[in-house]
Amino acid sequence: MDFDPTLLRAFVAVKETGGFTRAAERLHLTQSAISHQIRKLEEQVGRPLLHRTTRRLTVTEDGEDFLRYATQILDTLDAMTRRFQPSPISGVVRFGVPDNFMGDRLPPLLSQFARGFPAVRMEVCVSMHTDLRAAIRAGELDLAVVMSPPDVVEGTCLRRTQLVWAAAEAFEAPKGASLPLAFFPKPCVNRQVAGSALDLASSLDWHVVFTSASPQGIRAAVLAGLAVTVLTREEVEPGMKIVDGRYGLPPLPSVNFSLIWSENGKTPCACRFGQLILEMPDLPGVEALPPQA
């Protein structure tokens, strides 16, 4: 049998308020309408749910069992209504992010946002070499996740990770020759940080042998044994090894991932998307940072 949620709400209201009059006030109905609904519900159930006397109203034993199910059903219906009710928020969210920040978590994040805000259109730039800060300053993006050294404070710090030198498991540095390196095109924080560290290592002879704007291209060059590159620690994959301290390579710092906004980027829809980013779980092996005051 199918129960009308209206009747279930009337029954729950009577139990919670202790009477028909107060239940009618809560549901903005007349007392006679509440009485009719309870009578109709009891006829459908086939047994009394309430025991009425001139002085008090109590719930029968069957009524107590029925109340538990009715409450669960109404809670589920309310949750479903909240989940699927049309969102009043619309517009466009323009978001930039480096390839190595979200990885496989970007599709479910976009899917979650699209389900909650179907009237919002997303424009997403995923790149390691695009100057996301410049795009933010120019108003071409509303918000972006950027990489920056630990001593640079900008936006809201999300998490910190360590940069490492990485090479193929079978990589052998050429004897007596310049060390081959693979980098993303400028501007890339990995390349900038590595270049600064290499400038301090005056005894190391190196050259850029491979450049690609694609993370897949860099990985392919490294796995092929063509060059050493700079990755975040969690990006090192099977077939690669960390070569920090070898071949005269200088130590690398950790970097922060920070969420930054354009001057006019905090629209209602962009703020909702930004909140989802702030609530993302941390990657394994990545240090979470305390929220900023």
Protein backbone atom coordinates (compact mmCIF):
# COMPACT_ATOMS: atom_id res chain seq x y z
CA MET A 1 0.00 0.00 0.00
CA ASP A 2 1.10 3.55 -0.77
CA PHE A 3 0.90 6.18 1.96
CA ASP A 4 0.25 9.81 1.15
CA PRO A 5 3.11 11.91 2.61
CA THR A 6 0.52 14.56 3.56
CA LEU A 7 -1.16 12.07 5.89
CA LEU A 8 2.19 11.01 7.32
CA ARG A 9 3.08 14.64 8.08
CA ALA A 10 -0.24 15.16 9.82
CA PHE A 11 0.34 12.10 12.02
CA VAL A 12 3.90 13.12 12.92
CA ALA A 13 2.75 16.67 13.67
CA VAL A 14 0.02 15.43 16.02
CA LYS A 15 2.50 13.25 17.90
CA GLU A 16 5.17 15.97 18.15
CA THR A 17 2.82 18.79 19.17
CA GLY A 18 0.63 16.66 21.45
CA GLY A 19 -2.71 17.47 19.87
CA PHE A 20 -4.81 18.26 16.82
CA THR A 21 -5.03 22.01 17.44
CA ARG A 22 -1.28 22.61 17.58
CA ALA A 23 -0.68 20.22 14.69
CA ALA A 24 -3.16 22.24 12.62
CA GLU A 25 -1.31 25.45 13.52
CA ARG A 26 2.04 23.95 12.50
CA LEU A 27 0.72 22.73 9.14
CA HIS A 28 -1.47 25.81 8.56
CA LEU A 29 -4.64 23.73 8.38
CA THR A 30 -7.90 23.60 10.28
CA GLN A 31 -8.39 21.19 13.17
CA SER A 32 -11.12 19.40 11.25
CA ALA A 33 -8.74 18.89 8.30
CA ILE A 34 -6.17 17.28 10.61
CA SER A 35 -8.85 15.04 12.14
CA HIS A 36 -9.95 13.99 8.67
CA GLN A 37 -6.40 13.17 7.63
CA ILE A 38 -5.72 11.06 10.74
CA ARG A 39 -9.01 9.21 10.29
CA LYS A 40 -8.19 8.52 6.64
CA LEU A 41 -4.72 7.26 7.60
CA GLU A 42 -6.08 4.93 10.28
CA GLU A 43 -8.61 3.54 7.78
CA GLN A 44 -5.79 2.82 5.35
CA VAL A 45 -3.66 1.15 8.03
CA GLY A 46 -6.61 -0.80 9.34
CA ARG A 47 -5.95 -0.16 13.03
CA PRO A 48 -5.92 2.80 15.44
CA LEU A 49 -2.73 4.81 15.67
CA LEU A 50 -3.90 7.28 18.32
CA HIS A 51 -5.85 6.78 21.52
CA ARG A 52 -8.08 9.76 22.31
CA THR A 53 -9.80 10.66 25.56
CA THR A 54 -11.36 13.92 26.70
CA ARG A 55 -8.19 14.77 28.61
CA ARG A 56 -5.28 13.39 26.63
CA LEU A 57 -4.08 11.92 23.37
CA THR A 58 -1.57 9.08 23.25
CA VAL A 59 0.00 6.96 20.53
CA THR A 60 -0.94 3.29 20.41
CA GLU A 61 1.63 0.55 20.23
CA ASP A 62 0.98 0.19 16.51
CA GLY A 63 1.17 3.97 16.29
CA GLU A 64 4.67 3.96 17.80
CA ASP A 65 5.88 1.49 15.16
CA PHE A 66 4.13 3.43 12.42
CA LEU A 67 5.65 6.70 13.68
CA ARG A 68 9.18 5.32 13.30
CA TYR A 69 8.58 4.35 9.66
CA ALA A 70 6.73 7.57 8.89
CA THR A 71 9.62 9.66 10.27
CA GLN A 72 12.16 7.74 8.19
CA ILE A 73 10.07 8.16 5.03
CA LEU A 74 9.59 11.89 5.55
CA ASP A 75 13.28 12.42 6.32
CA THR A 76 14.19 10.63 3.09
CA LEU A 77 11.65 12.63 1.07
CA ASP A 78 12.95 15.90 2.53
CA ALA A 79 16.55 14.94 1.73
CA MET A 80 15.57 13.98 -1.81
CA THR A 81 13.75 17.29 -2.27
CA ARG A 82 16.80 19.24 -1.10
CA ARG A 83 19.05 17.20 -3.38
CA PHE A 84 17.00 17.64 -6.55
CA GLN A 85 15.28 20.97 -6.13
CA PRO A 86 16.13 23.45 -8.91
CA SER A 87 19.05 25.69 -8.05
CA PRO A 88 18.43 29.45 -8.27
CA ILE A 89 22.11 29.98 -9.09
CA SER A 90 23.11 30.40 -12.72
CA GLY A 91 25.96 31.91 -14.70
CA VAL A 92 29.48 30.89 -15.73
CA VAL A 93 32.42 29.68 -13.63
CA ARG A 94 35.86 30.15 -15.25
CA PHE A 95 38.38 27.98 -13.43
CA GLY A 96 42.08 27.33 -13.97
CA VAL A 97 44.15 24.56 -12.41
CA PRO A 98 47.55 22.90 -13.00
CA ASP A 99 47.45 19.30 -14.22
CA ASN A 100 49.13 17.95 -11.09
CA PHE A 101 46.69 19.33 -8.51
CA MET A 102 43.55 17.23 -8.92
CA GLY A 103 44.37 14.38 -11.26
CA ASP A 104 41.54 11.86 -11.38
CA ARG A 105 39.49 13.85 -8.88
CA LEU A 106 38.59 16.64 -11.32
CA PRO A 107 35.84 14.71 -13.23
CA PRO A 108 33.88 13.74 -10.07
CA LEU A 109 34.26 17.30 -8.74
CA LEU A 110 32.81 18.74 -11.94
CA SER A 111 30.07 16.11 -11.94
CA GLN A 112 29.13 16.91 -8.33
CA PHE A 113 28.95 20.63 -9.09
CA ALA A 114 26.93 20.11 -12.28
CA ARG A 115 24.37 17.98 -10.43
CA GLY A 116 23.94 20.62 -7.73
CA PHE A 117 23.94 23.62 -10.07
CA PRO A 118 22.67 22.51 -13.50
CA ALA A 119 22.11 26.11 -14.67
CA VAL A 120 25.83 26.98 -14.28
CA ARG A 121 28.20 26.65 -17.24
CA MET A 122 31.82 25.65 -16.56
CA GLU A 123 34.90 26.86 -18.45
CA VAL A 124 37.98 24.99 -17.20
CA CYS A 125 41.63 25.51 -18.13
CA VAL A 126 43.84 22.59 -17.07
CA SER A 127 47.47 23.33 -17.83
CA MET A 128 50.98 23.34 -16.39
CA HIS A 129 52.35 26.10 -18.65
CA THR A 130 49.48 28.59 -18.85
CA ASP A 131 50.11 31.66 -16.69
CA LEU A 132 47.06 31.31 -14.48
CA ARG A 133 48.02 34.31 -12.36
CA ALA A 134 48.08 36.53 -15.46
CA ALA A 135 44.68 35.17 -16.49
CA ILE A 136 43.32 35.99 -13.02
CA ARG A 137 44.76 39.52 -13.15
CA ALA A 138 43.27 40.05 -16.60
CA GLY A 139 39.86 38.85 -15.44
CA GLU A 140 39.93 35.92 -17.87
CA LEU A 141 39.40 33.45 -14.99
CA ASP A 142 37.25 33.77 -11.87
CA LEU A 143 39.36 31.51 -9.68
CA ALA A 144 42.42 29.33 -10.07
CA VAL A 145 44.65 26.95 -8.17
CA VAL A 146 48.29 28.01 -8.52
CA MET A 147 51.63 26.61 -7.36
CA SER A 148 53.97 28.84 -5.39
CA PRO A 149 57.07 28.45 -3.15
CA PRO A 150 56.37 28.26 0.62
CA ASP A 151 57.64 31.79 1.20
CA VAL A 152 55.08 33.27 -1.21
CA VAL A 153 51.74 34.03 0.45
CA GLU A 154 48.78 34.39 -1.89
CA GLY A 155 45.12 33.50 -1.78
CA THR A 156 44.09 30.58 0.40
CA CYS A 157 46.70 27.85 0.89
CA LEU A 158 45.15 24.45 0.20
CA ARG A 159 48.03 22.00 0.66
CA ARG A 160 51.79 21.61 0.36
CA THR A 161 53.84 19.08 -1.57
CA GLN A 162 57.53 18.35 -2.18
CA LEU A 163 59.20 18.78 -5.56
CA VAL A 164 61.67 16.05 -6.55
CA TRP A 165 64.01 15.20 -9.39
CA ALA A 166 62.72 12.12 -11.23
CA ALA A 167 64.16 9.84 -13.89
CA ALA A 168 63.49 6.43 -15.40
CA GLU A 169 64.45 3.42 -13.31
CA ALA A 170 67.05 2.50 -15.92
CA PHE A 171 68.31 6.05 -16.49
CA GLU A 172 72.06 6.46 -16.69
CA ALA A 173 73.61 9.91 -16.69
CA PRO A 174 75.98 10.39 -19.66
CA LYS A 175 79.58 10.28 -18.45
CA GLY A 176 81.50 13.48 -18.97
CA ALA A 177 78.56 15.12 -20.73
CA SER A 178 75.83 17.60 -19.90
CA LEU A 179 72.86 16.25 -17.92
CA PRO A 180 69.70 16.14 -20.11
CA LEU A 181 66.56 17.66 -18.59
CA ALA A 182 62.90 17.73 -19.63
CA PHE A 183 60.64 20.68 -18.75
CA PHE A 184 57.29 22.23 -19.49
CA PRO A 185 57.45 25.49 -21.48
CA LYS A 186 57.70 28.75 -19.57
CA PRO A 187 55.98 29.97 -17.43
CA CYS A 188 55.93 26.82 -15.29
CA VAL A 189 56.59 26.83 -11.54
CA ASN A 190 58.36 23.47 -11.73
CA ARG A 191 60.72 24.90 -14.33
CA GLN A 192 61.17 28.22 -12.51
CA VAL A 193 61.99 26.53 -9.20
CA ALA A 194 64.34 24.05 -10.87
CA GLY A 195 66.08 26.83 -12.80
CA SER A 196 66.68 28.83 -9.63
CA ALA A 197 68.14 25.78 -7.90
CA LEU A 198 70.32 24.92 -10.89
CA ASP A 199 71.68 28.46 -11.07
CA LEU A 200 73.10 27.92 -7.57
CA ALA A 201 74.70 24.63 -8.60
CA SER A 202 77.48 26.13 -10.70
CA SER A 203 79.39 22.84 -10.94
CA LEU A 204 76.55 21.04 -12.76
CA ASP A 205 76.52 21.09 -16.55
CA TRP A 206 72.98 20.62 -17.89
CA HIS A 207 70.81 21.32 -20.92
CA VAL A 208 67.14 21.04 -21.86
CA VAL A 209 66.76 18.15 -24.28
CA PHE A 210 62.98 17.84 -24.27
CA THR A 211 60.11 20.33 -23.89
CA SER A 212 56.39 19.54 -23.90
CA ALA A 213 53.25 21.33 -22.75
CA SER A 214 51.70 17.92 -22.08
CA PRO A 215 52.22 16.01 -18.81
CA GLN A 216 51.92 12.82 -20.86
CA GLY A 217 54.75 14.07 -23.09
CA ILE A 218 57.03 14.78 -20.12
CA ARG A 219 56.26 11.39 -18.58
CA ALA A 220 56.94 9.65 -21.89
CA ALA A 221 60.33 11.37 -22.22
CA VAL A 222 61.29 10.45 -18.67
CA LEU A 223 60.13 6.82 -18.94
CA ALA A 224 62.03 6.52 -22.23
CA GLY A 225 65.21 7.45 -20.36
CA LEU A 226 65.74 10.64 -22.35
CA ALA A 227 65.98 13.06 -19.44
CA VAL A 228 65.53 13.96 -15.79
CA THR A 229 62.58 16.19 -14.84
CA VAL A 230 60.93 17.86 -11.84
CA LEU A 231 57.70 16.41 -10.46
CA THR A 232 55.74 16.57 -7.24
CA ARG A 233 56.49 13.53 -5.11
CA GLU A 234 53.03 12.02 -5.64
CA GLU A 235 53.46 12.27 -9.45
CA VAL A 236 56.35 9.79 -9.47
CA GLU A 237 54.92 6.64 -11.02
CA PRO A 238 56.05 3.03 -11.57
CA GLY A 239 59.05 2.94 -13.86
CA MET A 240 60.47 6.14 -12.35
CA LYS A 241 62.84 6.80 -9.48
CA ILE A 242 63.64 9.86 -7.38
CA VAL A 243 67.20 11.01 -8.05
CA ASP A 244 67.52 13.83 -5.52
CA GLY A 245 71.18 14.38 -4.66
CA ARG A 246 72.49 12.37 -7.63
CA TYR A 247 74.45 13.70 -10.62
CA GLY A 248 75.09 16.91 -8.69
CA LEU A 249 71.42 17.88 -8.72
CA PRO A 250 70.57 20.53 -6.09
CA PRO A 251 67.82 20.07 -3.49
CA LEU A 252 64.36 21.36 -4.37
CA PRO A 253 61.87 23.12 -2.08
CA SER A 254 58.30 22.21 -1.31
CA VAL A 255 55.56 24.20 -3.01
CA ASN A 256 52.09 25.34 -1.98
CA PHE A 257 48.88 24.95 -3.92
CA SER A 258 46.79 28.10 -3.33
CA LEU A 259 43.33 29.17 -4.44
CA ILE A 260 43.27 32.69 -5.86
CA TRP A 261 40.45 34.86 -7.20
CA SER A 262 40.09 37.61 -9.77
CA GLU A 263 38.92 41.03 -8.65
CA ASN A 264 35.33 40.40 -9.78
CA GLY A 265 35.42 36.62 -9.67
CA LYS A 266 33.50 35.95 -6.47
CA THR A 267 30.11 35.48 -8.08
CA PRO A 268 27.57 33.25 -6.28
CA CYS A 269 28.22 30.31 -8.61
CA ALA A 270 32.02 30.71 -8.47
CA CYS A 271 31.91 30.88 -4.66
CA ARG A 272 29.96 27.61 -4.53
CA PHE A 273 32.52 25.94 -6.76
CA GLY A 274 35.37 27.38 -4.71
CA GLN A 275 33.80 25.92 -1.56
CA LEU A 276 33.85 22.46 -3.14
CA ILE A 277 37.58 22.86 -3.82
CA LEU A 278 38.21 23.90 -0.21
CA GLU A 279 36.35 20.78 0.97
CA MET A 280 38.30 18.36 -1.23
CA PRO A 281 40.03 15.54 0.69
CA ASP A 282 43.81 15.65 0.76
CA LEU A 283 45.91 13.59 -1.61
CA PRO A 284 47.92 10.75 -0.01
CA GLY A 285 51.39 11.95 0.89
CA VAL A 286 50.42 15.62 0.60
CA GLU A 287 50.61 17.86 3.64
CA ALA A 288 47.35 19.64 4.46
CA LEU A 289 47.68 23.21 5.64
CA PRO A 290 45.66 24.76 8.46
CA PRO A 291 42.93 27.17 7.31
CA GLN A 292 43.93 30.80 7.21
CA ALA A 293 42.29 33.24 9.58
